Amino acid sequence: MQNEELGRVQNDFEISRSRYADRYDFAPVGYLTISKNGQIVDLNLTAAWQLGIERGHLIN
C-alpha cells in the first residue's frame, strides 16, 4: 500500500510541476529569477525572447 501511495503522490507532483512550468515558460510577460549576486538563476521563454538571447546563454 505504501508503494501505491508513493506512486500516486509522485504522479500528482509531476502533474503540478508540469502545470507550473507551462504557466511560467509560456506566460505573456518575462519572468526572471535573480540570485543575491545578480546572476540569472532562471527565466522564462518570453524573457529570453524579449532580451533577444537564447535562454541557455542567459542562465548564470
N, C-alpha and C. Protein backbone atom coordinates (compact mmCIF):
# COMPACT_ATOMS: atom_id res chain seq x y z
N MET A 1 0.82 -1.18 0.00
CA MET A 1 0.00 0.00 0.00
C MET A 1 0.87 1.26 0.00
N GLN A 2 2.01 1.25 0.67
CA GLN A 2 2.88 2.41 0.68
C GLN A 2 3.40 2.73 -0.72
N ASN A 3 3.74 1.71 -1.48
CA ASN A 3 4.23 1.93 -2.84
C ASN A 3 3.17 2.58 -3.71
N GLU A 4 1.92 2.14 -3.55
CA GLU A 4 0.83 2.74 -4.32
C GLU A 4 0.65 4.21 -3.96
N GLU A 5 0.70 4.51 -2.68
CA GLU A 5 0.55 5.89 -2.22
C GLU A 5 1.72 6.74 -2.71
N LEU A 6 2.92 6.22 -2.62
CA LEU A 6 4.09 6.94 -3.10
C LEU A 6 3.98 7.21 -4.60
N GLY A 7 3.53 6.23 -5.35
CA GLY A 7 3.34 6.41 -6.79
C GLY A 7 2.30 7.47 -7.10
N ARG A 8 1.22 7.49 -6.35
CA ARG A 8 0.17 8.48 -6.55
C ARG A 8 0.68 9.89 -6.24
N VAL A 9 1.39 10.03 -5.13
CA VAL A 9 1.94 11.33 -4.73
C VAL A 9 2.95 11.82 -5.77
N GLN A 10 3.79 10.91 -6.24
CA GLN A 10 4.78 11.28 -7.25
C GLN A 10 4.09 11.72 -8.54
N ASN A 11 3.06 11.02 -8.94
CA ASN A 11 2.29 11.39 -10.14
C ASN A 11 1.64 12.76 -9.97
N ASP A 12 1.04 12.99 -8.82
CA ASP A 12 0.42 14.29 -8.54
C ASP A 12 1.45 15.41 -8.59
N PHE A 13 2.65 15.14 -8.06
CA PHE A 13 3.72 16.13 -8.08
C PHE A 13 4.14 16.45 -9.51
N GLU A 14 4.29 15.44 -10.34
CA GLU A 14 4.69 15.65 -11.73
C GLU A 14 3.65 16.47 -12.50
N ILE A 15 2.38 16.21 -12.25
CA ILE A 15 1.32 16.97 -12.90
C ILE A 15 1.39 18.43 -12.46
N SER A 16 1.55 18.66 -11.17
CA SER A 16 1.64 20.02 -10.64
C SER A 16 2.86 20.75 -11.19
N ARG A 17 3.99 20.08 -11.25
CA ARG A 17 5.22 20.67 -11.77
C ARG A 17 5.07 21.02 -13.25
N SER A 18 4.42 20.17 -13.98
CA SER A 18 4.20 20.41 -15.41
C SER A 18 3.30 21.63 -15.62
N ARG A 19 2.26 21.74 -14.82
CA ARG A 19 1.36 22.90 -14.93
C ARG A 19 2.10 24.19 -14.60
N TYR A 20 2.93 24.16 -13.56
CA TYR A 20 3.70 25.34 -13.19
C TYR A 20 4.65 25.72 -14.32
N ALA A 21 5.36 24.75 -14.86
CA ALA A 21 6.32 25.02 -15.93
C ALA A 21 5.62 25.62 -17.15
N ASP A 22 4.46 25.09 -17.50
CA ASP A 22 3.71 25.63 -18.64
C ASP A 22 3.32 27.08 -18.39
N ARG A 23 2.84 27.37 -17.20
CA ARG A 23 2.40 28.73 -16.89
C ARG A 23 3.59 29.69 -16.80
N TYR A 24 4.70 29.23 -16.29
CA TYR A 24 5.90 30.07 -16.16
C TYR A 24 6.54 30.29 -17.52
N ASP A 25 6.81 29.21 -18.24
CA ASP A 25 7.51 29.32 -19.51
C ASP A 25 6.73 30.06 -20.58
N PHE A 26 5.44 29.86 -20.61
CA PHE A 26 4.64 30.43 -21.69
C PHE A 26 3.80 31.63 -21.27
N ALA A 27 4.18 32.25 -20.16
CA ALA A 27 3.49 33.46 -19.71
C ALA A 27 3.72 34.58 -20.72
N PRO A 28 2.76 35.48 -20.87
CA PRO A 28 2.91 36.56 -21.85
C PRO A 28 3.86 37.67 -21.40
N VAL A 29 4.38 37.57 -20.19
CA VAL A 29 5.35 38.56 -19.69
C VAL A 29 6.64 37.83 -19.33
N GLY A 30 7.75 38.55 -19.34
CA GLY A 30 9.03 37.95 -19.00
C GLY A 30 9.23 37.85 -17.50
N TYR A 31 9.66 36.68 -17.05
CA TYR A 31 9.98 36.45 -15.64
C TYR A 31 11.42 36.02 -15.52
N LEU A 32 12.12 36.59 -14.57
CA LEU A 32 13.49 36.19 -14.27
C LEU A 32 13.62 35.94 -12.78
N THR A 33 14.42 34.96 -12.42
CA THR A 33 14.78 34.71 -11.04
C THR A 33 16.25 35.08 -10.92
N ILE A 34 16.54 36.03 -10.05
CA ILE A 34 17.88 36.58 -9.90
C ILE A 34 18.45 36.20 -8.53
N SER A 35 19.71 35.77 -8.49
CA SER A 35 20.36 35.44 -7.22
C SER A 35 20.74 36.72 -6.49
N LYS A 36 21.17 36.58 -5.26
CA LYS A 36 21.62 37.73 -4.48
C LYS A 36 22.83 38.40 -5.13
N ASN A 37 23.58 37.63 -5.90
CA ASN A 37 24.76 38.17 -6.59
C ASN A 37 24.42 38.83 -7.91
N GLY A 38 23.15 38.83 -8.27
CA GLY A 38 22.72 39.45 -9.52
C GLY A 38 22.79 38.54 -10.73
N GLN A 39 23.02 37.25 -10.52
CA GLN A 39 23.05 36.31 -11.63
C GLN A 39 21.65 35.78 -11.92
N ILE A 40 21.39 35.54 -13.20
CA ILE A 40 20.10 34.96 -13.59
C ILE A 40 20.12 33.48 -13.25
N VAL A 41 19.22 33.08 -12.37
CA VAL A 41 19.11 31.68 -11.97
C VAL A 41 18.15 30.95 -12.91
N ASP A 42 17.10 31.62 -13.31
CA ASP A 42 16.10 31.03 -14.21
C ASP A 42 15.36 32.16 -14.89
N LEU A 43 14.82 31.88 -16.05
CA LEU A 43 13.98 32.83 -16.75
C LEU A 43 13.06 32.07 -17.68
N ASN A 44 11.95 32.70 -18.00
CA ASN A 44 11.02 32.02 -18.88
C ASN A 44 11.35 32.33 -20.34
N LEU A 45 10.67 31.66 -21.23
CA LEU A 45 10.93 31.80 -22.67
C LEU A 45 10.64 33.22 -23.15
N THR A 46 9.63 33.86 -22.60
CA THR A 46 9.28 35.21 -23.00
C THR A 46 10.41 36.19 -22.66
N ALA A 47 10.99 36.05 -21.49
CA ALA A 47 12.10 36.93 -21.09
C ALA A 47 13.28 36.75 -22.04
N ALA A 48 13.61 35.53 -22.38
CA ALA A 48 14.71 35.28 -23.31
C ALA A 48 14.41 35.91 -24.66
N TRP A 49 13.18 35.77 -25.12
CA TRP A 49 12.78 36.36 -26.40
C TRP A 49 12.89 37.89 -26.35
N GLN A 50 12.43 38.47 -25.24
CA GLN A 50 12.48 39.92 -25.10
C GLN A 50 13.92 40.45 -25.08
N LEU A 51 14.82 39.68 -24.49
CA LEU A 51 16.22 40.08 -24.44
C LEU A 51 16.96 39.75 -25.74
N GLY A 52 16.37 38.88 -26.54
CA GLY A 52 16.96 38.52 -27.81
C GLY A 52 18.17 37.60 -27.70
N ILE A 53 18.24 36.87 -26.60
CA ILE A 53 19.36 35.96 -26.38
C ILE A 53 18.80 34.60 -25.99
N GLU A 54 19.43 33.54 -26.48
CA GLU A 54 18.98 32.18 -26.18
C GLU A 54 19.00 31.95 -24.67
N ARG A 55 17.96 31.31 -24.19
CA ARG A 55 17.76 31.09 -22.76
C ARG A 55 18.98 30.45 -22.08
N GLY A 56 19.54 29.45 -22.69
CA GLY A 56 20.68 28.76 -22.11
C GLY A 56 21.91 29.64 -21.93
N HIS A 57 22.03 30.67 -22.74
CA HIS A 57 23.16 31.58 -22.63
C HIS A 57 22.98 32.64 -21.55
N LEU A 58 21.77 32.78 -21.05
CA LEU A 58 21.49 33.80 -20.05
C LEU A 58 21.62 33.30 -18.61
N ILE A 59 21.45 32.01 -18.40
CA ILE A 59 21.47 31.47 -17.05
C ILE A 59 22.91 31.46 -16.53
N ASN A 60 23.06 31.98 -15.34
CA ASN A 60 24.35 32.12 -14.64
C ASN A 60 25.21 33.17 -15.33
